[in-house]
Amino acid sequence: MRPTALITGGGRGLGAAIARELAPTHDLLLGGRRRNSLDAVLAELPGATAWPVDLLDHDAVAAATADIDRLDVLVHNAGIADLGTIADANAAQWRDTFESNVVAVVELTRLLLPALRAASGHVVLINSGAGLRANAGWGAYAASKFALRAFGDALRLEEPSLRVTSVHPGRIDTDMQRAIVATEGGEYDPERFLKPGTVARAVRQAVETPRDAQPTEIVLRPW
């Protein structure tokens, strides 16, 4: 029986790249807020299955996870990057960022713990370089990614049958990155950023690491 991997935010960018890397060896559940956001990747990977659910709707998430009784890999890729200085970002912006980048991750993992335990599974947290060092204008986002790293550390200790990997890439050439650069007022040059496939390959290598080792953190920077 092939292992199963669930990838949130699997319809584009890094999530789609991770799906392409894992597709040859895993049965895929591709998460996305809307079913039509997954159509392009599903057409490319016909063996994959759509898993459309709004991760901020905890009742919907509970219903969507109820029938998953075994899960080998859970890749938390979905998240938001709402930038702003501490002086300008209000409480709602901080709350929305933590709800998307931390609370949604925690709740989905919690609901899937029985399935992950059944497979001695692997949880992969797509974090950020901002989860290791905060920069001006990225306060709420960086704080959420620091919290995500702490969650991963606690999960690794509390669930010793699971492997937990935090991946900290630098800036990646994605649609989200284009929006960020536009917000910053800069000119977009894709050569400045990591390729999604490069980060996805690192995720696959972590998943394929032999069981005698646990890849706890992976840090990638554009060269």
Protein backbone atom coordinates (compact mmCIF):
# COMPACT_ATOMS: atom_id res chain seq x y z
CA MET A 1 0.00 0.00 0.00
CA ARG A 2 1.39 3.38 -1.02
CA PRO A 3 1.80 6.00 1.71
CA THR A 4 -0.60 8.95 1.77
CA ALA A 5 0.37 12.61 1.99
CA LEU A 6 -1.90 15.58 2.68
CA ILE A 7 -0.58 18.93 1.43
CA THR A 8 -2.38 22.12 2.42
CA GLY A 9 -2.26 24.98 -0.04
CA GLY A 10 -1.61 22.37 -2.72
CA GLY A 11 -3.12 24.21 -5.67
CA ARG A 12 -0.27 26.52 -6.63
CA GLY A 13 3.24 27.71 -5.90
CA LEU A 14 5.24 25.73 -3.39
CA GLY A 15 2.32 23.44 -2.49
CA ALA A 16 1.91 22.36 -6.10
CA ALA A 17 5.68 21.83 -6.41
CA ILE A 18 5.67 19.60 -3.31
CA ALA A 19 2.77 17.64 -4.81
CA ARG A 20 4.80 17.03 -7.97
CA GLU A 21 7.75 15.79 -5.93
CA LEU A 22 5.69 13.39 -3.80
CA ALA A 23 3.31 12.16 -6.51
CA PRO A 24 5.55 9.31 -7.77
CA THR A 25 5.68 7.69 -4.33
CA HIS A 26 2.57 8.87 -2.45
CA ASP A 27 -1.20 8.98 -2.79
CA LEU A 28 -1.96 12.69 -2.52
CA LEU A 29 -4.69 14.68 -0.81
CA LEU A 30 -4.43 18.23 -2.10
CA GLY A 31 -5.84 20.86 0.23
CA GLY A 32 -7.26 24.16 -0.95
CA ARG A 33 -9.93 26.58 0.17
CA ARG A 34 -11.94 26.08 -3.03
CA ARG A 35 -12.23 23.02 -5.28
CA ASN A 36 -11.57 25.01 -8.46
CA SER A 37 -8.24 26.27 -7.08
CA LEU A 38 -6.99 22.68 -7.33
CA ASP A 39 -8.13 21.92 -10.88
CA ALA A 40 -4.87 22.71 -12.66
CA VAL A 41 -2.73 20.52 -10.38
CA LEU A 42 -5.31 17.72 -10.42
CA ALA A 43 -5.22 17.72 -14.22
CA GLU A 44 -1.43 17.47 -14.07
CA LEU A 45 -1.49 14.78 -11.35
CA PRO A 46 -4.59 12.68 -12.13
CA GLY A 47 -3.87 10.27 -9.28
CA ALA A 48 -4.25 13.01 -6.69
CA THR A 49 -7.49 13.68 -4.78
CA ALA A 50 -8.96 17.09 -4.02
CA TRP A 51 -9.38 17.96 -0.35
CA PRO A 52 -11.19 21.33 -0.48
CA VAL A 53 -11.77 22.84 2.96
CA ASP A 54 -11.43 26.26 4.58
CA LEU A 55 -8.83 25.65 7.29
CA LEU A 56 -10.24 28.55 9.32
CA ASP A 57 -13.61 26.77 9.56
CA HIS A 58 -12.80 24.32 12.33
CA ASP A 59 -16.12 22.47 12.07
CA ALA A 60 -15.50 21.91 8.35
CA VAL A 61 -11.96 20.73 9.07
CA ALA A 62 -13.24 18.26 11.66
CA ALA A 63 -15.73 16.87 9.15
CA ALA A 64 -13.10 16.65 6.39
CA THR A 65 -10.64 14.74 8.60
CA ALA A 66 -13.17 12.33 10.11
CA ASP A 67 -12.63 9.61 7.50
CA ILE A 68 -8.81 9.80 7.43
CA ASP A 69 -7.67 6.90 9.59
CA ARG A 70 -4.06 6.68 8.43
CA LEU A 71 -1.76 9.47 7.21
CA ASP A 72 1.93 9.09 6.47
CA VAL A 73 2.83 12.69 5.66
CA LEU A 74 1.17 15.99 6.58
CA VAL A 75 2.65 19.05 4.88
CA HIS A 76 1.45 22.36 6.32
CA ASN A 77 2.04 24.74 3.43
CA ALA A 78 -1.01 27.04 3.54
CA GLY A 79 -0.60 30.41 5.21
CA ILE A 80 -0.69 34.16 4.71
CA ALA A 81 1.86 36.98 4.67
CA ASP A 82 0.12 40.23 5.63
CA LEU A 83 2.92 42.74 6.09
CA GLY A 84 2.98 45.95 8.06
CA THR A 85 4.97 47.77 10.70
CA ILE A 86 4.15 47.38 14.37
CA ALA A 87 2.92 50.98 14.35
CA ASP A 88 0.53 50.31 11.46
CA ALA A 89 -0.65 46.71 11.95
CA ASN A 90 -3.75 46.56 14.12
CA ALA A 91 -4.99 43.79 16.38
CA ALA A 92 -7.18 42.29 13.64
CA GLN A 93 -4.17 41.87 11.34
CA TRP A 94 -2.18 40.13 14.05
CA ARG A 95 -5.16 37.93 14.91
CA ASP A 96 -5.78 36.95 11.27
CA THR A 97 -2.11 36.12 10.78
CA PHE A 98 -1.96 33.88 13.84
CA GLU A 99 -5.29 32.23 12.98
CA SER A 100 -4.00 31.27 9.52
CA ASN A 101 -0.36 30.50 10.27
CA VAL A 102 -0.61 28.93 13.72
CA VAL A 103 -4.09 28.08 15.00
CA ALA A 104 -5.22 26.42 11.74
CA VAL A 105 -2.03 24.34 11.69
CA VAL A 106 -2.40 23.29 15.32
CA GLU A 107 -6.05 22.30 14.95
CA LEU A 108 -5.55 20.30 11.74
CA THR A 109 -2.61 18.48 13.29
CA ARG A 110 -4.57 17.76 16.46
CA LEU A 111 -7.46 16.28 14.51
CA LEU A 112 -5.12 14.11 12.44
CA LEU A 113 -2.98 12.85 15.33
CA PRO A 114 -4.69 9.41 15.45
CA ALA A 115 -4.11 8.95 11.72
CA LEU A 116 -0.50 10.13 11.99
CA ARG A 117 0.17 7.88 14.97
CA ALA A 118 -1.23 4.90 13.07
CA ALA A 119 1.38 5.46 10.36
CA SER A 120 4.24 6.71 12.58
CA GLY A 121 3.89 9.67 10.26
CA HIS A 122 5.85 12.77 9.35
CA VAL A 123 4.66 16.35 9.89
CA VAL A 124 6.37 18.95 7.70
CA LEU A 125 5.91 22.60 8.66
CA ILE A 126 6.67 25.06 5.87
CA ASN A 127 8.04 27.86 7.99
CA SER A 128 10.18 30.76 6.78
CA GLY A 129 13.47 32.51 7.24
CA ALA A 130 11.31 34.96 9.19
CA GLY A 131 10.77 32.17 11.69
CA LEU A 132 14.44 32.42 12.61
CA ARG A 133 14.99 36.17 12.37
CA ALA A 134 12.42 38.96 12.24
CA ASN A 135 12.78 41.94 9.93
CA ALA A 136 11.20 45.38 10.05
CA GLY A 137 7.73 45.39 8.56
CA TRP A 138 7.30 41.64 9.06
CA GLY A 139 6.46 41.65 12.78
CA ALA A 140 3.14 39.78 12.79
CA TYR A 141 4.26 37.31 10.13
CA ALA A 142 7.59 36.63 11.84
CA ALA A 143 5.95 36.23 15.24
CA SER A 144 3.54 33.68 13.78
CA LYS A 145 6.42 31.74 12.24
CA PHE A 146 8.38 31.77 15.50
CA ALA A 147 5.25 30.37 17.14
CA LEU A 148 4.98 27.72 14.41
CA ARG A 149 8.54 26.64 15.09
CA ALA A 150 7.76 26.35 18.82
CA PHE A 151 4.71 24.26 17.98
CA GLY A 152 6.89 21.92 15.94
CA ASP A 153 9.40 21.56 18.78
CA ALA A 154 6.63 20.76 21.27
CA LEU A 155 4.95 18.30 18.89
CA ARG A 156 8.23 16.47 18.35
CA LEU A 157 8.64 16.00 22.11
CA GLU A 158 5.01 15.12 22.85
CA GLU A 159 4.58 12.66 19.96
CA PRO A 160 7.77 10.58 19.85
CA SER A 161 6.36 8.19 17.24
CA LEU A 162 6.18 11.07 14.74
CA ARG A 163 8.87 12.88 12.83
CA VAL A 164 8.50 16.67 12.70
CA THR A 165 10.47 18.85 10.29
CA SER A 166 10.46 22.66 10.17
CA VAL A 167 11.51 23.98 6.76
CA HIS A 168 12.81 27.56 6.74
CA PRO A 169 13.18 28.75 3.15
CA GLY A 170 14.14 32.24 2.14
CA ARG A 171 11.96 34.09 -0.33
CA ILE A 172 10.52 31.88 -3.08
CA ASP A 173 9.48 32.76 -6.63
CA THR A 174 5.69 32.42 -6.28
CA ASP A 175 2.56 34.50 -6.87
CA MET A 176 2.61 35.38 -3.17
CA GLN A 177 6.13 36.71 -3.56
CA ARG A 178 5.07 38.88 -6.50
CA ALA A 179 2.34 40.38 -4.35
CA ILE A 180 4.81 41.03 -1.52
CA VAL A 181 7.30 42.75 -3.83
CA ALA A 182 4.49 44.86 -5.28
CA THR A 183 3.53 45.90 -1.73
CA GLU A 184 7.16 46.80 -1.06
CA GLY A 185 7.25 48.89 -4.23
CA GLY A 186 10.14 46.99 -5.76
CA GLU A 187 10.77 45.52 -9.22
CA TYR A 188 10.22 41.77 -9.41
CA ASP A 189 13.24 39.71 -10.45
CA PRO A 190 12.62 35.93 -10.14
CA GLU A 191 16.36 35.25 -10.19
CA ARG A 192 16.62 36.77 -6.70
CA PHE A 193 14.47 34.04 -5.20
CA LEU A 194 14.46 30.31 -4.58
CA LYS A 195 12.65 28.15 -7.11
CA PRO A 196 9.60 26.32 -5.70
CA GLY A 197 10.96 23.04 -7.06
CA THR A 198 14.18 23.45 -5.09
CA VAL A 199 12.32 23.80 -1.79
CA ALA A 200 9.95 20.97 -2.76
CA ARG A 201 12.92 18.70 -3.41
CA ALA A 202 14.22 19.44 0.10
CA VAL A 203 10.81 18.44 1.49
CA ARG A 204 10.91 15.17 -0.44
CA GLN A 205 14.41 14.45 0.81
CA ALA A 206 13.26 15.04 4.40
CA VAL A 207 10.35 12.65 3.92
CA GLU A 208 12.67 10.04 2.40
CA THR A 209 15.27 10.32 5.17
CA PRO A 210 15.79 6.83 6.66
CA ARG A 211 13.90 6.20 9.88
CA ASP A 212 17.02 6.13 12.05
CA ALA A 213 17.26 9.91 11.61
CA GLN A 214 14.92 12.83 12.20
CA PRO A 215 15.47 15.93 10.02
CA THR A 216 14.35 18.53 12.56
CA GLU A 217 15.16 21.74 10.65
CA ILE A 218 16.03 22.59 7.06
CA VAL A 219 17.22 26.11 6.21
CA LEU A 220 17.46 27.24 2.57
CA ARG A 221 18.57 30.63 1.31
CA PRO A 222 18.70 32.05 -2.22
CA TRP A 223 22.21 31.97 -3.62
